[in-house]
C-alpha atoms as a PDB file:
ATOM      1  CA  MET A   1      96.059 127.244  82.441  1.00  0.00           C
ATOM      2  CA  SER A   2      97.732 128.723  85.370  1.00  0.00           C
ATOM      3  CA  ILE A   3      99.036 126.450  88.116  1.00  0.00           C
ATOM      4  CA  GLY A   4      99.642 128.155  91.412  1.00  0.00           C
ATOM      5  CA  ASP A   5      99.734 131.512  89.556  1.00  0.00           C
ATOM      6  CA  ARG A   6     103.208 130.573  88.529  1.00  0.00           C
ATOM      7  CA  HIS A   7     103.524 128.713  85.302  1.00  0.00           C
ATOM      8  CA  ALA A   8     101.413 126.907  82.659  1.00  0.00           C
ATOM      9  CA  VAL A   9     101.346 123.125  82.731  1.00  0.00           C
ATOM     10  CA  ASP A  10     100.764 120.935  79.586  1.00  0.00           C
ATOM     11  CA  PRO A  11      99.146 117.593  80.794  1.00  0.00           C
ATOM     12  CA  ALA A  12     101.329 115.717  78.445  1.00  0.00           C
ATOM     13  CA  ASP A  13     104.502 117.395  79.531  1.00  0.00           C
ATOM     14  CA  PRO A  14     106.176 116.034  82.681  1.00  0.00           C
ATOM     15  CA  GLY A  15     107.833 119.380  83.251  1.00  0.00           C
ATOM     16  CA  ASP A  16     110.382 120.119  86.023  1.00  0.00           C
ATOM     17  CA  PRO A  17     110.106 118.739  89.563  1.00  0.00           C
ATOM     18  CA  ALA A  18     108.643 121.071  92.018  1.00  0.00           C
ATOM     19  CA  ASP A  19     111.008 123.315  94.022  1.00  0.00           C
ATOM     20  CA  PRO A  20     111.376 121.465  97.499  1.00  0.00           C
ATOM     21  CA  GLY A  21     111.745 124.912  99.125  1.00  0.00           C
ATOM     22  CA  ASP A  22     108.382 126.243  97.827  1.00  0.00           C
ATOM     23  CA  PRO A  23     105.888 126.377 100.789  1.00  0.00           C
ATOM     24  CA  THR A  24     102.909 126.039  98.412  1.00  0.00           C
ATOM     25  CA  PRO A  25     102.786 122.879  96.126  1.00  0.00           C
ATOM     26  CA  PRO A  26     102.085 123.228  92.470  1.00  0.00           C
ATOM     27  CA  GLY A  27      98.398 123.410  91.632  1.00  0.00           C
ATOM     28  CA  LEU A  28      97.583 124.820  95.130  1.00  0.00           C
ATOM     29  CA  VAL A  29      96.845 128.628  95.400  1.00  0.00           C
ATOM     30  CA  ALA A  30      98.130 130.173  98.620  1.00  0.00           C
ATOM     31  CA  ALA A  31      95.500 131.798 100.904  1.00  0.00           C
ATOM     32  CA  SER A  32      92.640 130.864  98.556  1.00  0.00           C
ATOM     33  CA  GLU A  33      90.503 127.908  97.219  1.00  0.00           C
ATOM     34  CA  THR A  34      89.666 127.016  93.709  1.00  0.00           C
ATOM     35  CA  ALA A  35      87.464 124.337  92.110  1.00  0.00           C
ATOM     36  CA  GLY A  36      86.612 123.012  88.654  1.00  0.00           C
ATOM     37  CA  GLU A  37      84.586 120.227  87.138  1.00  0.00           C
ATOM     38  CA  VAL A  38      84.048 118.608  83.718  1.00  0.00           C
ATOM     39  CA  PRO A  39      80.640 120.001  82.560  1.00  0.00           C
ATOM     40  CA  GLY A  40      77.743 117.527  82.955  1.00  0.00           C
ATOM     41  CA  PHE A  41      79.768 114.542  83.892  1.00  0.00           C
ATOM     42  CA  LEU A  42      78.419 112.367  86.834  1.00  0.00           C
ATOM     43  CA  PRO A  43      79.217 108.778  87.574  1.00  0.00           C
ATOM     44  CA  SER A  44      75.548 108.216  88.168  1.00  0.00           C
ATOM     45  CA  ILE A  45      74.963 109.196  84.443  1.00  0.00           C
ATOM     46  CA  HIS A  46      78.133 108.174  82.510  1.00  0.00           C
ATOM     47  CA  GLY A  47      79.746 105.531  84.928  1.00  0.00           C
ATOM     48  CA  LEU A  48      78.699 101.902  84.293  1.00  0.00           C
ATOM     49  CA  ARG A  49      75.939 100.766  86.568  1.00  0.00           C
ATOM     50  CA  PHE A  50      77.473  97.515  87.620  1.00  0.00           C
ATOM     51  CA  ALA A  51      80.463  96.899  89.947  1.00  0.00           C
ATOM     52  CA  ASN A  52      83.827  95.861  88.911  1.00  0.00           C
ATOM     53  CA  ALA A  53      83.168  92.334  90.059  1.00  0.00           C
ATOM     54  CA  PHE A  54      83.201  89.628  87.368  1.00  0.00           C
ATOM     55  CA  PRO A  55      83.051  85.839  87.720  1.00  0.00           C
ATOM     56  CA  PRO A  56      86.119  83.871  87.075  1.00  0.00           C
ATOM     57  CA  GLY A  57      86.775  83.338  83.477  1.00  0.00           C
ATOM     58  CA  PRO A  58      89.353  84.234  80.760  1.00  0.00           C
ATOM     59  CA  THR A  59      89.316  87.828  79.452  1.00  0.00           C
ATOM     60  CA  LEU A  60      90.830  86.432  76.212  1.00  0.00           C
ATOM     61  CA  THR A  61      92.152  83.292  74.761  1.00  0.00           C
ATOM     62  CA  LEU A  62      95.159  82.621  72.578  1.00  0.00           C
ATOM     63  CA  GLY A  63      93.943  79.747  70.395  1.00  0.00           C
ATOM     64  CA  PRO A  64      93.766  76.722  72.786  1.00  0.00           C
ATOM     65  CA  ILE A  65      95.809  78.469  75.494  1.00  0.00           C
ATOM     66  CA  ASP A  66      94.092  79.969  78.547  1.00  0.00           C
ATOM     67  CA  PRO A  67      96.337  82.697  79.822  1.00  0.00           C
ATOM     68  CA  ARG A  68      95.124  82.170  83.361  1.00  0.00           C
ATOM     69  CA  VAL A  69      97.629  79.227  83.571  1.00  0.00           C
ATOM     70  CA  VAL A  70     100.420  81.718  83.835  1.00  0.00           C
ATOM     71  CA  GLY A  71      98.712  84.003  86.230  1.00  0.00           C
ATOM     72  CA  PHE A  72      96.972  86.679  84.250  1.00  0.00           C
ATOM     73  CA  GLY A  73      93.888  87.284  82.132  1.00  0.00           C
ATOM     74  CA  ASP A  74      91.189  86.262  84.755  1.00  0.00           C
ATOM     75  CA  ALA A  75      88.180  88.565  84.711  1.00  0.00           C
ATOM     76  CA  SER A  76      87.648  88.087  88.486  1.00  0.00           C
ATOM     77  CA  ALA A  77      90.853  90.275  88.964  1.00  0.00           C
ATOM     78  CA  GLY A  78      88.765  93.177  87.637  1.00  0.00           C
ATOM     79  CA  LEU A  79      88.442  95.409  84.594  1.00  0.00           C
ATOM     80  CA  CYS A  80      88.719  98.756  86.195  1.00  0.00           C
ATOM     81  CA  GLY A  81      90.890 100.339  83.468  1.00  0.00           C
ATOM     82  CA  GLY A  82      88.503  99.296  80.763  1.00  0.00           C
ATOM     83  CA  MET A  83      85.497 100.621  82.838  1.00  0.00           C
ATOM     84  CA  ALA A  84      87.253 103.994  83.464  1.00  0.00           C
ATOM     85  CA  LEU A  85      88.014 104.443  79.760  1.00  0.00           C
ATOM     86  CA  THR A  86      84.459 103.261  78.810  1.00  0.00           C
ATOM     87  CA  ALA A  87      83.021 105.909  81.115  1.00  0.00           C
ATOM     88  CA  ARG A  88      85.015 108.661  79.404  1.00  0.00           C
ATOM     89  CA  ASP A  89      84.174 107.286  75.920  1.00  0.00           C
ATOM     90  CA  LEU A  90      80.555 107.420  76.793  1.00  0.00           C
ATOM     91  CA  TYR A  91      80.888 111.010  78.045  1.00  0.00           C
ATOM     92  CA  GLU A  92      82.818 112.156  74.943  1.00  0.00           C
ATOM     93  CA  ALA A  93      80.094 110.521  72.776  1.00  0.00           C
ATOM     94  CA  GLY A  94      77.257 112.328  74.677  1.00  0.00           C
ATOM     95  CA  GLN A  95      75.856 108.976  75.630  1.00  0.00           C
ATOM     96  CA  PRO A  96      74.691 107.888  79.091  1.00  0.00           C
ATOM     97  CA  ALA A  97      75.530 104.476  80.373  1.00  0.00           C
ATOM     98  CA  PRO A  98      72.994 101.786  79.677  1.00  0.00           C
ATOM     99  CA  ALA A  99      70.838 100.541  82.497  1.00  0.00           C
ATOM    100  CA  GLY A 100      71.620  97.156  84.176  1.00  0.00           C
ATOM    101  CA  ASP A 101      73.349  96.205  87.442  1.00  0.00           C
ATOM    102  CA  ASP A 102      74.835  92.978  86.173  1.00  0.00           C
ATOM    103  CA  PRO A 103      78.196  92.838  84.504  1.00  0.00           C
ATOM    104  CA  PRO A 104      78.214  91.612  80.932  1.00  0.00           C
ATOM    105  CA  ASN A 105      78.573  87.991  80.188  1.00  0.00           C
ATOM    106  CA  SER A 106      82.123  86.677  79.165  1.00  0.00           C
ATOM    107  CA  GLY A 107      82.262  86.798  75.405  1.00  0.00           C
ATOM    108  CA  SER A 108      79.459  89.179  74.904  1.00  0.00           C
ATOM    109  CA  PRO A 109      80.035  92.402  72.803  1.00  0.00           C
ATOM    110  CA  ARG A 110      80.071  94.561  76.029  1.00  0.00           C
ATOM    111  CA  PHE A 111      82.546  92.305  77.746  1.00  0.00           C
ATOM    112  CA  ARG A 112      84.810  92.237  74.654  1.00  0.00           C
ATOM    113  CA  SER A 113      84.619  96.103  74.565  1.00  0.00           C
ATOM    114  CA  LEU A 114      85.737  96.252  78.212  1.00  0.00           C
ATOM    115  CA  VAL A 115      88.537  93.776  77.686  1.00  0.00           C
ATOM    116  CA  ARG A 116      89.802  95.894  74.656  1.00  0.00           C
ATOM    117  CA  ARG A 117      89.655  99.091  76.657  1.00  0.00           C
ATOM    118  CA  GLN A 118      91.391  97.420  79.569  1.00  0.00           C
ATOM    119  CA  VAL A 119      94.308  96.306  77.396  1.00  0.00           C
ATOM    120  CA  GLN A 120      94.490  99.832  75.846  1.00  0.00           C
ATOM    121  CA  SER A 121      94.547 101.439  79.332  1.00  0.00           C
ATOM    122  CA  LEU A 122      97.861  99.757  80.006  1.00  0.00           C
ATOM    123  CA  ASP A 123      99.391 101.948  77.275  1.00  0.00           C
ATOM    124  CA  TRP A 124     101.667  99.143  75.904  1.00  0.00           C
ATOM    125  CA  LEU A 125     102.782  98.198  79.449  1.00  0.00           C
ATOM    126  CA  ARG A 126     104.002 101.665  80.237  1.00  0.00           C
ATOM    127  CA  VAL A 127     101.122 102.088  82.946  1.00  0.00           C
ATOM    128  CA  PRO A 128     102.150  98.814  84.792  1.00  0.00           C
ATOM    129  CA  LEU A 129     105.734  99.932  84.609  1.00  0.00           C
ATOM    130  CA  ARG A 130     104.652 103.285  86.136  1.00  0.00           C
ATOM    131  CA  PHE A 131     102.805 101.421  88.987  1.00  0.00           C
ATOM    132  CA  PHE A 132     105.872  99.207  89.612  1.00  0.00           C
ATOM    133  CA  ASP A 133     108.170 102.236  89.794  1.00  0.00           C
ATOM    134  CA  LEU A 134     105.959 103.960  92.427  1.00  0.00           C
ATOM    135  CA  GLN A 135     105.153 100.865  94.495  1.00  0.00           C
ATOM    136  CA  ALA A 136     108.693  99.316  94.442  1.00  0.00           C
ATOM    137  CA  LEU A 137     111.368 101.886  93.614  1.00  0.00           C
ATOM    138  CA  ARG A 138     110.171 104.705  95.834  1.00  0.00           C
ATOM    139  CA  PRO A 139     110.464 103.341  99.444  1.00  0.00           C
ATOM    140  CA  ASP A 140     108.802 105.356 102.268  1.00  0.00           C
ATOM    141  CA  PRO A 141     110.929 106.723 103.815  1.00  0.00           C
ATOM    142  CA  PRO A 142     113.471 106.902 100.957  1.00  0.00           C
ATOM    143  CA  ALA A 143     116.556 104.596 101.568  1.00  0.00           C
ATOM    144  CA  GLY A 144     119.512 103.312  99.673  1.00  0.00           C
ATOM    145  CA  LEU A 145     119.631 104.360  96.044  1.00  0.00           C
ATOM    146  CA  ALA A 146     116.227 106.049  96.320  1.00  0.00           C
ATOM    147  CA  ALA A 147     117.528 108.259  98.950  1.00  0.00           C
ATOM    148  CA  ALA A 148     120.711 109.004  97.041  1.00  0.00           C
ATOM    149  CA  LEU A 149     118.546 109.927  93.919  1.00  0.00           C
ATOM    150  CA  ARG A 150     116.137 111.951  96.038  1.00  0.00           C
ATOM    151  CA  ARG A 151     113.266 109.880  95.027  1.00  0.00           C
ATOM    152  CA  GLU A 152     110.217 110.834  97.026  1.00  0.00           C
ATOM    153  CA  PRO A 153     107.391 108.437  97.988  1.00  0.00           C
ATOM    154  CA  PRO A 154     104.324 108.068  95.839  1.00  0.00           C
ATOM    155  CA  ARG A 155     102.109 110.473  97.776  1.00  0.00           C
ATOM    156  CA  VAL A 156     104.673 113.314  97.193  1.00  0.00           C
ATOM    157  CA  VAL A 157     104.802 112.541  93.477  1.00  0.00           C
ATOM    158  CA  ALA A 158     100.945 112.613  93.378  1.00  0.00           C
ATOM    159  CA  ILE A 159     100.599 116.098  94.936  1.00  0.00           C
ATOM    160  CA  LEU A 160     103.744 117.821  93.521  1.00  0.00           C
ATOM    161  CA  ASP A 161     103.728 116.377  89.960  1.00  0.00           C
ATOM    162  CA  GLU A 162     100.530 114.421  88.992  1.00  0.00           C
ATOM    163  CA  TRP A 163      97.836 116.636  90.548  1.00  0.00           C
ATOM    164  CA  PRO A 164      98.634 119.618  88.254  1.00  0.00           C
ATOM    165  CA  ARG A 165      98.245 117.424  85.199  1.00  0.00           C
ATOM    166  CA  ILE A 166      95.018 115.976  86.321  1.00  0.00           C
ATOM    167  CA  ARG A 167      93.654 119.503  87.045  1.00  0.00           C
ATOM    168  CA  ALA A 168      94.811 120.676  83.578  1.00  0.00           C
ATOM    169  CA  GLU A 169      92.837 117.974  81.962  1.00  0.00           C
ATOM    170  CA  ILE A 170      89.725 118.606  83.964  1.00  0.00           C
ATOM    171  CA  ASP A 171      90.090 122.303  83.209  1.00  0.00           C
ATOM    172  CA  ASP A 172      90.182 121.442  79.539  1.00  0.00           C
ATOM    173  CA  GLY A 173      86.664 119.772  79.765  1.00  0.00           C
ATOM    174  CA  HIS A 174      87.806 116.071  79.960  1.00  0.00           C
ATOM    175  CA  PRO A 175      87.567 113.432  82.748  1.00  0.00           C
ATOM    176  CA  SER A 176      91.114 112.256  83.623  1.00  0.00           C
ATOM    177  CA  VAL A 177      92.049 108.597  83.943  1.00  0.00           C
ATOM    178  CA  VAL A 178      93.985 108.181  87.270  1.00  0.00           C
ATOM    179  CA  GLY A 179      95.978 105.276  88.527  1.00  0.00           C
ATOM    180  CA  LEU A 180      95.824 104.635  92.203  1.00  0.00           C
ATOM    181  CA  VAL A 181      98.730 103.072  94.007  1.00  0.00           C
ATOM    182  CA  ARG A 182      97.571 100.794  96.750  1.00  0.00           C
ATOM    183  CA  ALA A 183     100.499  98.489  97.214  1.00  0.00           C
ATOM    184  CA  ALA A 184     104.131  98.825  98.249  1.00  0.00           C
ATOM    185  CA  GLY A 185     106.823  96.383  97.598  1.00  0.00           C
ATOM    186  CA  GLY A 186     108.756  94.757  94.889  1.00  0.00           C
ATOM    187  CA  SER A 187     106.501  91.805  94.071  1.00  0.00           C
ATOM    188  CA  PRO A 188     104.995  91.973  90.534  1.00  0.00           C
ATOM    189  CA  TRP A 189     101.931  90.194  91.775  1.00  0.00           C
ATOM    190  CA  ASP A 190     101.160  93.332  93.916  1.00  0.00           C
ATOM    191  CA  LEU A 191     100.353  95.162  90.710  1.00  0.00           C
ATOM    192  CA  ALA A 192      96.893  93.543  90.673  1.00  0.00           C
ATOM    193  CA  ARG A 193      96.174  95.432  94.000  1.00  0.00           C
ATOM    194  CA  ASN A 194      96.452  98.794  92.258  1.00  0.00           C
ATOM    195  CA  HIS A 195      93.412 100.423  90.773  1.00  0.00           C
ATOM    196  CA  GLN A 196      92.112 102.894  88.081  1.00  0.00           C
ATOM    197  CA  VAL A 197      89.488 105.542  88.170  1.00  0.00           C
ATOM    198  CA  LEU A 198      88.264 108.531  86.413  1.00  0.00           C
ATOM    199  CA  ALA A 199      88.611 112.063  87.948  1.00  0.00           C
ATOM    200  CA  PHE A 200      85.916 114.566  86.932  1.00  0.00           C
ATOM    201  CA  ALA A 201      86.032 117.374  89.502  1.00  0.00           C
ATOM    202  CA  TYR A 202      88.343 119.032  92.033  1.00  0.00           C
ATOM    203  CA  ALA A 203      88.722 121.380  94.886  1.00  0.00           C
ATOM    204  CA  ALA A 204      91.928 122.648  96.171  1.00  0.00           C
ATOM    205  CA  GLY A 205      93.482 125.220  98.676  1.00  0.00           C
ATOM    206  CA  ASP A 206      96.907 125.733 100.068  1.00  0.00           C
ATOM    207  CA  ARG A 207      96.582 122.839 102.467  1.00  0.00           C
ATOM    208  CA  PHE A 208      94.254 120.393 100.553  1.00  0.00           C
ATOM    209  CA  VAL A 209      93.481 118.668  97.228  1.00  0.00           C
ATOM    210  CA  THR A 210      90.206 116.901  96.710  1.00  0.00           C
ATOM    211  CA  LEU A 211      89.378 114.863  93.507  1.00  0.00           C
ATOM    212  CA  ARG A 212      85.915 113.531  92.813  1.00  0.00           C
ATOM    213  CA  VAL A 213      86.173 110.389  90.921  1.00  0.00           C
ATOM    214  CA  TYR A 214      84.118 107.559  89.120  1.00  0.00           C
ATOM    215  CA  ASP A 215      85.293 104.434  90.888  1.00  0.00           C
ATOM    216  CA  PRO A 216      84.388 101.189  89.150  1.00  0.00           C
ATOM    217  CA  ASN A 217      84.199  99.545  92.568  1.00  0.00           C
ATOM    218  CA  HIS A 218      81.533 101.960  93.637  1.00  0.00           C
ATOM    219  CA  PRO A 219      79.023 102.211  90.825  1.00  0.00           C
ATOM    220  CA  CYS A 220      76.398 105.071  90.681  1.00  0.00           C
ATOM    221  CA  ARG A 221      78.136 107.030  93.378  1.00  0.00           C
ATOM    222  CA  ASP A 222      78.894 110.629  92.804  1.00  0.00           C
ATOM    223  CA  ASP A 223      80.443 111.268  96.192  1.00  0.00           C
ATOM    224  CA  VAL A 224      83.683 109.195  96.055  1.00  0.00           C
ATOM    225  CA  GLU A 225      86.707 111.407  96.693  1.00  0.00           C
ATOM    226  CA  LEU A 226      90.522 111.175  96.690  1.00  0.00           C
ATOM    227  CA  ARG A 227      91.817 113.509  99.424  1.00  0.00           C
ATOM    228  CA  GLY A 228      95.129 115.024  99.949  1.00  0.00           C
ATOM    229  CA  SER A 229      96.173 116.988 103.013  1.00  0.00           C
ATOM    230  CA  ILE A 230      99.254 119.215 103.282  1.00  0.00           C
ATOM    231  CA  SER A 231     100.482 120.378 106.803  1.00  0.00           C
ATOM    232  CA  ALA A 232     101.650 123.975 107.337  1.00  0.00           C
ATOM    233  CA  ASP A 233     105.003 122.868 108.706  1.00  0.00           C
ATOM    234  CA  HIS A 234     107.211 124.446 105.955  1.00  0.00           C
ATOM    235  CA  GLY A 235     110.341 123.249 107.565  1.00  0.00           C
ATOM    236  CA  ALA A 236     109.458 119.568 107.124  1.00  0.00           C
ATOM    237  CA  PRO A 237     110.119 117.441 104.084  1.00  0.00           C
ATOM    238  CA  TRP A 238     107.174 117.055 101.756  1.00  0.00           C
ATOM    239  CA  ARG A 239     106.805 113.458 102.708  1.00  0.00           C
ATOM    240  CA  ASP A 240     106.137 114.387 106.271  1.00  0.00           C
ATOM    241  CA  ARG A 241     103.645 116.957 105.221  1.00  0.00           C
ATOM    242  CA  ILE A 242     101.496 115.190 102.590  1.00  0.00           C
ATOM    243  CA  ARG A 243      98.810 112.554 103.475  1.00  0.00           C
ATOM    244  CA  LEU A 244      96.440 110.757 101.119  1.00  0.00           C
ATOM    245  CA  SER A 245      93.195 108.940 101.591  1.00  0.00           C
ATOM    246  CA  GLN A 246      90.102 107.793  99.835  1.00  0.00           C
ATOM    247  CA  SER A 247      86.621 108.624 101.123  1.00  0.00           C
ATOM    248  CA  THR A 248      85.654 104.909 100.815  1.00  0.00           C
ATOM    249  CA  GLY A 249      88.396 103.595 103.038  1.00  0.00           C
ATOM    250  CA  GLU A 250      90.713 101.863 100.706  1.00  0.00           C
ATOM    251  CA  PRO A 251      94.421 102.473 101.044  1.00  0.00           C
ATOM    252  CA  LEU A 252      95.872 105.294  98.938  1.00  0.00           C
ATOM    253  CA  LEU A 253      99.588 105.562  98.706  1.00  0.00           C
ATOM    254  CA  GLY A 254      99.790 107.640  95.566  1.00  0.00           C
ATOM    255  CA  PHE A 255      98.126 108.475  92.258  1.00  0.00           C
ATOM    256  CA  PHE A 256      99.167 109.538  88.701  1.00  0.00           C
ATOM    257  CA  ARG A 257      97.464 110.696  85.532  1.00  0.00           C
ATOM    258  CA  GLN A 258      97.270 108.071  82.855  1.00  0.00           C
ATOM    259  CA  PRO A 259      97.136 108.752  79.159  1.00  0.00           C
ATOM    260  CA  TYR A 260      93.782 108.485  77.274  1.00  0.00           C
ATOM    261  CA  PRO A 261      94.287 106.468  74.137  1.00  0.00           C
ATOM    262  CA  GLY A 262      91.537 108.406  72.242  1.00  0.00           C
ATOM    263  CA  ARG A 263      87.721 107.561  72.234  1.00  0.00           C
ATOM    264  CA  GLY A 264      86.844 103.984  71.654  1.00  0.00           C
ATOM    265  CA  PRO A 265      83.629 102.817  69.902  1.00  0.00           C
ATOM    266  CA  VAL A 266      80.597 102.841  71.969  1.00  0.00           C
ATOM    267  CA  ARG A 267      78.144 100.903  69.766  1.00  0.00           C
ATOM    268  CA  ALA A 268      78.087  98.024  72.303  1.00  0.00           C
ATOM    269  CA  TRP A 269      76.737 100.260  74.906  1.00  0.00           C
ATOM    270  CA  ARG A 270      73.718 101.621  73.055  1.00  0.00           C
ATOM    271  CA  PRO A 271      70.479 100.739  74.661  1.00  0.00           C
ATOM    272  CA  ARG A 272      69.034  97.528  73.615  1.00  0.00           C
END
């Protein structure tokens, strides 16, 4: 597909960084607006009906060992990655999400399915490492080594690098799994503050990007949006021109396209 009427972008190819002197970011079309969506996808149809709010309990056990004793594996921390992947699985399978506002019980087939997809959403820990790079190694404003290496803050990466990849995946007819950066700092414990959603539609112009998403924290809502605004001050650095927000009010410091590990089984989600 054409990005900004300049070059094709492969969603799996990181490509070259954007030209900092270009007044129009990649994926934005100067003096026009464009929009796209995944045919037929809506969170109210394919998104899970329950919220990403589970009672405390282990997501898995290692024999007699409860992994919560070392600080991870508690369902109450959320299973947003598993829920986002499951929503795409259901869409790819042509199957609507089952009815029911209550999260599945720990140990049930649906709970185990979510946990399996949650683990797979981490892409062999590459996704947490990506989150850590964006939240800890790209200070805003850039300082020290980050400034020397010209590493821009996460919101600049989101618009200049990641947005074109998300758009390409949506234009190919697939919802795109997106990681949301909500924390800044070097503590690994802050990784749990980040989030995962599923983008299914977009609108963009030369000064804005809007992504409509299925957010597991806001079930059955078709109106949740990630919003990027770009000022017209061409002489300013990108970090001074780009601002991000989420329509539901949560902080949004950046976002990136996550890999989709292939469709998982959806037998557990068939109507009972």
